[in-house]
C-alpha atoms as a PDB file:
ATOM      1  CA  MET A   1      21.484  -7.463 -21.336  1.00  0.00           C
ATOM      2  CA  TYR A   2      23.661  -8.589 -23.789  1.00  0.00           C
ATOM      3  CA  LEU A   3      26.036 -11.238 -24.611  1.00  0.00           C
ATOM      4  CA  VAL A   4      29.681 -10.459 -26.010  1.00  0.00           C
ATOM      5  CA  THR A   5      32.087 -12.830 -27.202  1.00  0.00           C
ATOM      6  CA  PRO A   6      34.508 -13.786 -29.700  1.00  0.00           C
ATOM      7  CA  ASP A   7      33.252 -15.776 -32.470  1.00  0.00           C
ATOM      8  CA  PRO A   8      35.608 -17.550 -34.593  1.00  0.00           C
ATOM      9  CA  GLU A   9      33.064 -16.859 -37.628  1.00  0.00           C
ATOM     10  CA  ARG A  10      32.021 -14.016 -37.478  1.00  0.00           C
ATOM     11  CA  GLY A  11      34.369 -12.101 -34.776  1.00  0.00           C
ATOM     12  CA  ILE A  12      32.588 -10.698 -32.478  1.00  0.00           C
ATOM     13  CA  VAL A  13      29.009 -11.032 -31.402  1.00  0.00           C
ATOM     14  CA  ALA A  14      27.209  -8.858 -29.208  1.00  0.00           C
ATOM     15  CA  ALA A  15      23.403 -10.194 -28.894  1.00  0.00           C
ATOM     16  CA  PRO A  16      20.656  -8.479 -26.834  1.00  0.00           C
ATOM     17  CA  ARG A  17      18.405 -10.784 -24.249  1.00  0.00           C
ATOM     18  CA  ALA A  18      15.585  -8.970 -25.630  1.00  0.00           C
ATOM     19  CA  PRO A  19      14.323  -6.385 -28.232  1.00  0.00           C
ATOM     20  CA  GLU A  20      14.111  -3.468 -25.441  1.00  0.00           C
ATOM     21  CA  ASP A  21      17.499  -4.014 -25.424  1.00  0.00           C
ATOM     22  CA  LEU A  22      17.938  -2.701 -28.604  1.00  0.00           C
ATOM     23  CA  THR A  23      17.816   1.563 -27.586  1.00  0.00           C
ATOM     24  CA  ALA A  24      18.519   3.819 -30.166  1.00  0.00           C
ATOM     25  CA  GLU A  25      22.063   5.080 -27.954  1.00  0.00           C
ATOM     26  CA  THR A  26      23.022   1.320 -28.046  1.00  0.00           C
ATOM     27  CA  GLU A  27      22.969   0.788 -31.772  1.00  0.00           C
ATOM     28  CA  GLN A  28      24.549   3.846 -32.051  1.00  0.00           C
ATOM     29  CA  ALA A  29      27.247   2.940 -29.778  1.00  0.00           C
ATOM     30  CA  LEU A  30      27.790  -0.501 -31.969  1.00  0.00           C
ATOM     31  CA  THR A  31      27.642   0.965 -35.184  1.00  0.00           C
ATOM     32  CA  ALA A  32      30.332   3.263 -34.665  1.00  0.00           C
ATOM     33  CA  ARG A  33      32.293   0.533 -33.436  1.00  0.00           C
ATOM     34  CA  GLY A  34      31.629  -1.020 -36.742  1.00  0.00           C
ATOM     35  CA  PHE A  35      29.368  -3.685 -35.979  1.00  0.00           C
ATOM     36  CA  ILE A  36      26.480  -4.837 -38.025  1.00  0.00           C
ATOM     37  CA  TRP A  37      22.837  -6.313 -37.370  1.00  0.00           C
ATOM     38  CA  ASP A  38      22.387  -9.843 -38.600  1.00  0.00           C
ATOM     39  CA  ASP A  39      19.196 -10.952 -38.730  1.00  0.00           C
ATOM     40  CA  ARG A  40      20.085 -14.912 -39.123  1.00  0.00           C
ATOM     41  CA  ILE A  41      21.877 -14.681 -35.564  1.00  0.00           C
ATOM     42  CA  GLU A  42      19.367 -11.832 -34.144  1.00  0.00           C
ATOM     43  CA  ALA A  43      22.850 -10.743 -33.024  1.00  0.00           C
ATOM     44  CA  HIS A  44      25.345  -7.348 -34.112  1.00  0.00           C
ATOM     45  CA  VAL A  45      28.387  -8.729 -35.361  1.00  0.00           C
ATOM     46  CA  ARG A  46      31.948  -7.314 -36.182  1.00  0.00           C
ATOM     47  CA  LEU A  47      34.579  -9.261 -38.702  1.00  0.00           C
ATOM     48  CA  THR A  48      37.846  -9.265 -35.887  1.00  0.00           C
ATOM     49  CA  PRO A  49      40.824 -10.742 -36.163  1.00  0.00           C
ATOM     50  CA  ALA A  50      41.391 -13.429 -33.655  1.00  0.00           C
ATOM     51  CA  SER A  51      44.370 -11.752 -32.209  1.00  0.00           C
ATOM     52  CA  GLU A  52      42.329  -8.936 -31.707  1.00  0.00           C
ATOM     53  CA  ALA A  53      38.834 -10.680 -30.516  1.00  0.00           C
ATOM     54  CA  THR A  54      39.088 -10.718 -27.129  1.00  0.00           C
ATOM     55  CA  SER A  55      40.455  -7.291 -26.199  1.00  0.00           C
ATOM     56  CA  THR A  56      37.883  -5.542 -28.572  1.00  0.00           C
ATOM     57  CA  ALA A  57      34.879  -7.728 -26.998  1.00  0.00           C
ATOM     58  CA  ALA A  58      36.411  -6.589 -23.366  1.00  0.00           C
ATOM     59  CA  ALA A  59      36.351  -2.513 -24.636  1.00  0.00           C
ATOM     60  CA  VAL A  60      32.536  -3.201 -26.628  1.00  0.00           C
ATOM     61  CA  ALA A  61      31.324  -4.870 -23.164  1.00  0.00           C
ATOM     62  CA  ALA A  62      32.670  -2.380 -21.058  1.00  0.00           C
ATOM     63  CA  GLU A  63      30.720  -0.023 -22.932  1.00  0.00           C
ATOM     64  CA  LEU A  64      27.603  -1.575 -23.064  1.00  0.00           C
ATOM     65  CA  ARG A  65      28.018  -1.481 -19.307  1.00  0.00           C
ATOM     66  CA  SER A  66      28.577   1.926 -18.999  1.00  0.00           C
ATOM     67  CA  LEU A  67      25.374   2.647 -21.352  1.00  0.00           C
ATOM     68  CA  GLY A  68      23.617   0.739 -18.454  1.00  0.00           C
ATOM     69  CA  HIS A  69      23.315  -3.282 -19.675  1.00  0.00           C
ATOM     70  CA  TYR A  70      23.945  -5.586 -17.665  1.00  0.00           C
ATOM     71  CA  VAL A  71      26.532  -7.849 -20.287  1.00  0.00           C
ATOM     72  CA  ILE A  72      27.725 -11.840 -20.417  1.00  0.00           C
ATOM     73  CA  THR A  73      30.686 -12.548 -21.602  1.00  0.00           C
ATOM     74  CA  PRO A  74      32.779 -15.423 -21.806  1.00  0.00           C
ATOM     75  CA  ALA A  75      35.680 -15.828 -18.872  1.00  0.00           C
ATOM     76  CA  ALA A  76      38.865 -14.809 -21.412  1.00  0.00           C
ATOM     77  CA  VAL A  77      37.107 -11.677 -22.043  1.00  0.00           C
ATOM     78  CA  ALA A  78      36.208 -11.007 -18.314  1.00  0.00           C
ATOM     79  CA  LEU A  79      39.833 -11.802 -17.283  1.00  0.00           C
ATOM     80  CA  ALA A  80      40.690  -8.420 -20.301  1.00  0.00           C
ATOM     81  CA  GLN A  81      38.897  -6.307 -18.396  1.00  0.00           C
ATOM     82  CA  LEU A  82      41.118  -6.551 -14.922  1.00  0.00           C
ATOM     83  CA  PRO A  83      43.260  -3.838 -14.344  1.00  0.00           C
ATOM     84  CA  THR A  84      47.025  -4.825 -15.206  1.00  0.00           C
END
């Protein structure tokens, strides 16, 4: 399970619930999207302009779901995933 959310200081945070959520496939997908691991908060972070944070977080959440993870997001990110 992951929490994916925009963060005003860090851009986007993708935080695993448990160490077993850190699969090689997930690590590779997040790294390919420009995320780095932050030991201080035990999560992947990616600097992202505020104007792009919600839509980018929605795309990351969708990719993590496609890899088999449950993903929790704030309402704004969830709404950004709805078809227009």
